[in-house]
Amino acid sequence: MFSIIIVPCFDAVSVAIGRIRRGLNPFKPDRSHLHHKFMRIGFSSHLSLVTILSISAIFIVMNFGLIRFLQIKWILLIDVVIYALIHLWLGYKLKIVEKQNDSLS
């Protein structure tokens, strides 16, 4: 059942960890959540929502499929790795966009 809320939970945890690493209050709002990152790389609000819902659906389907073959701890590890890869890809895309914006200025 955790698969249904995995993306919002991972997003909240990764944002809180990032804020703590930067010496900020983990509860202070900023634009470091997943939907803000998608919007900063050029996605519309609607496309960001659809993308996040699609990622959630993929996690749900994948986890329900894997439960027959793997223990829950391995599924959770796979989920963390996949989310981390998505997060790294977004960070890479953000750097490219920011670099392009800097060169235009």
C-alpha atoms as a PDB file:
ATOM      1  CA  MET A   1       0.000   0.000   0.000  1.00  0.00           C
ATOM      2  CA  PHE A   2       3.003   2.301   0.477  1.00  0.00           C
ATOM      3  CA  SER A   3       3.367   2.401  -3.308  1.00  0.00           C
ATOM      4  CA  ILE A   4       0.389   4.722  -3.580  1.00  0.00           C
ATOM      5  CA  ILE A   5       2.106   7.492  -1.580  1.00  0.00           C
ATOM      6  CA  ILE A   6       5.723   6.719  -2.411  1.00  0.00           C
ATOM      7  CA  VAL A   7       6.392   9.733  -4.653  1.00  0.00           C
ATOM      8  CA  PRO A   8       4.994  12.363  -2.233  1.00  0.00           C
ATOM      9  CA  CYS A   9       6.806  10.709   0.691  1.00  0.00           C
ATOM     10  CA  PHE A  10      10.137  10.481  -1.134  1.00  0.00           C
ATOM     11  CA  ASP A  11       9.693  14.068  -2.331  1.00  0.00           C
ATOM     12  CA  ALA A  12       9.020  15.365   1.191  1.00  0.00           C
ATOM     13  CA  VAL A  13      11.975  13.455   2.648  1.00  0.00           C
ATOM     14  CA  SER A  14      14.393  14.522  -0.102  1.00  0.00           C
ATOM     15  CA  VAL A  15      13.324  18.179   0.211  1.00  0.00           C
ATOM     16  CA  ALA A  16      13.711  18.101   4.020  1.00  0.00           C
ATOM     17  CA  ILE A  17      17.156  16.473   3.757  1.00  0.00           C
ATOM     18  CA  GLY A  18      18.233  19.019   1.139  1.00  0.00           C
ATOM     19  CA  ARG A  19      17.116  21.913   3.322  1.00  0.00           C
ATOM     20  CA  ILE A  20      18.914  20.519   6.368  1.00  0.00           C
ATOM     21  CA  ARG A  21      22.108  20.032   4.309  1.00  0.00           C
ATOM     22  CA  ARG A  22      21.906  23.681   3.243  1.00  0.00           C
ATOM     23  CA  GLY A  23      21.427  24.767   6.869  1.00  0.00           C
ATOM     24  CA  LEU A  24      17.801  25.807   6.362  1.00  0.00           C
ATOM     25  CA  ASN A  25      14.699  25.056   8.357  1.00  0.00           C
ATOM     26  CA  PRO A  26      13.268  21.807   6.906  1.00  0.00           C
ATOM     27  CA  PHE A  27       9.731  23.195   7.268  1.00  0.00           C
ATOM     28  CA  LYS A  28      10.327  26.526   5.530  1.00  0.00           C
ATOM     29  CA  PRO A  29       8.756  26.586   2.066  1.00  0.00           C
ATOM     30  CA  ASP A  30      10.848  26.911  -1.073  1.00  0.00           C
ATOM     31  CA  ARG A  31      10.779  25.741  -4.686  1.00  0.00           C
ATOM     32  CA  SER A  32      12.675  22.487  -4.277  1.00  0.00           C
ATOM     33  CA  HIS A  33       9.732  20.095  -4.570  1.00  0.00           C
ATOM     34  CA  LEU A  34       9.405  17.789  -7.545  1.00  0.00           C
ATOM     35  CA  HIS A  35       6.690  19.777  -9.333  1.00  0.00           C
ATOM     36  CA  HIS A  36       8.729  22.987  -9.067  1.00  0.00           C
ATOM     37  CA  LYS A  37      11.744  21.239 -10.579  1.00  0.00           C
ATOM     38  CA  PHE A  38       9.699  19.968 -13.508  1.00  0.00           C
ATOM     39  CA  MET A  39       8.320  23.448 -14.064  1.00  0.00           C
ATOM     40  CA  ARG A  40      11.816  24.995 -13.941  1.00  0.00           C
ATOM     41  CA  ILE A  41      13.007  22.667 -16.711  1.00  0.00           C
ATOM     42  CA  GLY A  42      10.152  23.881 -18.882  1.00  0.00           C
ATOM     43  CA  PHE A  43       7.181  21.659 -18.120  1.00  0.00           C
ATOM     44  CA  SER A  44       3.813  23.339 -17.758  1.00  0.00           C
ATOM     45  CA  SER A  45       1.906  22.982 -14.512  1.00  0.00           C
ATOM     46  CA  HIS A  46      -0.382  20.432 -16.155  1.00  0.00           C
ATOM     47  CA  LEU A  47       2.476  18.416 -17.690  1.00  0.00           C
ATOM     48  CA  SER A  48       4.287  18.412 -14.333  1.00  0.00           C
ATOM     49  CA  LEU A  49       1.188  16.964 -12.679  1.00  0.00           C
ATOM     50  CA  VAL A  50       0.710  14.333 -15.388  1.00  0.00           C
ATOM     51  CA  THR A  51       4.401  13.376 -15.196  1.00  0.00           C
ATOM     52  CA  ILE A  52       4.343  12.993 -11.410  1.00  0.00           C
ATOM     53  CA  LEU A  53       1.119  10.969 -11.559  1.00  0.00           C
ATOM     54  CA  SER A  54       2.674   8.776 -14.270  1.00  0.00           C
ATOM     55  CA  ILE A  55       5.756   8.197 -12.129  1.00  0.00           C
ATOM     56  CA  SER A  56       3.480   7.248  -9.229  1.00  0.00           C
ATOM     57  CA  ALA A  57       1.515   4.864 -11.445  1.00  0.00           C
ATOM     58  CA  ILE A  58       4.748   3.233 -12.630  1.00  0.00           C
ATOM     59  CA  PHE A  59       5.863   2.718  -9.020  1.00  0.00           C
ATOM     60  CA  ILE A  60       2.470   1.210  -8.126  1.00  0.00           C
ATOM     61  CA  VAL A  61       2.409  -1.208 -11.066  1.00  0.00           C
ATOM     62  CA  MET A  62       6.069  -2.148 -10.662  1.00  0.00           C
ATOM     63  CA  ASN A  63       5.773  -2.742  -6.914  1.00  0.00           C
ATOM     64  CA  PHE A  64       2.621  -4.829  -7.202  1.00  0.00           C
ATOM     65  CA  GLY A  65       4.355  -6.888  -9.872  1.00  0.00           C
ATOM     66  CA  LEU A  66       7.555  -7.339  -7.850  1.00  0.00           C
ATOM     67  CA  ILE A  67       5.852  -8.320  -4.584  1.00  0.00           C
ATOM     68  CA  ARG A  68       5.468 -11.887  -5.874  1.00  0.00           C
ATOM     69  CA  PHE A  69       9.206 -12.235  -6.450  1.00  0.00           C
ATOM     70  CA  LEU A  70      11.013 -10.035  -3.920  1.00  0.00           C
ATOM     71  CA  GLN A  71      10.864  -9.172  -0.250  1.00  0.00           C
ATOM     72  CA  ILE A  72       9.516  -5.730   0.579  1.00  0.00           C
ATOM     73  CA  LYS A  73      12.944  -4.460   1.686  1.00  0.00           C
ATOM     74  CA  TRP A  74      14.365  -5.134  -1.803  1.00  0.00           C
ATOM     75  CA  ILE A  75      11.395  -3.482  -3.468  1.00  0.00           C
ATOM     76  CA  LEU A  76      11.856  -0.417  -1.280  1.00  0.00           C
ATOM     77  CA  LEU A  77      15.560  -0.336  -2.155  1.00  0.00           C
ATOM     78  CA  ILE A  78      14.698  -0.493  -5.862  1.00  0.00           C
ATOM     79  CA  ASP A  79      12.182   2.329  -5.345  1.00  0.00           C
ATOM     80  CA  VAL A  80      14.793   4.491  -3.608  1.00  0.00           C
ATOM     81  CA  VAL A  81      17.325   3.875  -6.385  1.00  0.00           C
ATOM     82  CA  ILE A  82      14.802   4.694  -9.120  1.00  0.00           C
ATOM     83  CA  TYR A  83      13.662   7.845  -7.313  1.00  0.00           C
ATOM     84  CA  ALA A  84      17.291   8.888  -6.821  1.00  0.00           C
ATOM     85  CA  LEU A  85      17.946   8.394 -10.549  1.00  0.00           C
ATOM     86  CA  ILE A  86      14.916  10.534 -11.395  1.00  0.00           C
ATOM     87  CA  HIS A  87      16.159  13.165  -8.962  1.00  0.00           C
ATOM     88  CA  LEU A  88      19.674  13.080 -10.486  1.00  0.00           C
ATOM     89  CA  TRP A  89      18.243  13.392 -13.999  1.00  0.00           C
ATOM     90  CA  LEU A  90      16.173  16.398 -12.920  1.00  0.00           C
ATOM     91  CA  GLY A  91      19.243  17.988 -11.333  1.00  0.00           C
ATOM     92  CA  TYR A  92      21.175  17.452 -14.565  1.00  0.00           C
ATOM     93  CA  LYS A  93      18.370  18.997 -16.641  1.00  0.00           C
ATOM     94  CA  LEU A  94      18.131  21.945 -14.219  1.00  0.00           C
ATOM     95  CA  LYS A  95      21.849  22.655 -14.607  1.00  0.00           C
ATOM     96  CA  ILE A  96      21.484  22.661 -18.398  1.00  0.00           C
ATOM     97  CA  VAL A  97      18.485  25.019 -18.253  1.00  0.00           C
ATOM     98  CA  GLU A  98      20.189  27.344 -15.773  1.00  0.00           C
ATOM     99  CA  LYS A  99      23.341  27.383 -17.908  1.00  0.00           C
ATOM    100  CA  GLN A 100      21.269  28.294 -20.972  1.00  0.00           C
ATOM    101  CA  ASN A 101      19.480  31.036 -19.030  1.00  0.00           C
ATOM    102  CA  ASP A 102      22.803  32.440 -17.805  1.00  0.00           C
ATOM    103  CA  SER A 103      24.202  32.544 -21.340  1.00  0.00           C
ATOM    104  CA  LEU A 104      21.111  34.433 -22.533  1.00  0.00           C
ATOM    105  CA  SER A 105      21.491  37.072 -19.835  1.00  0.00           C
END
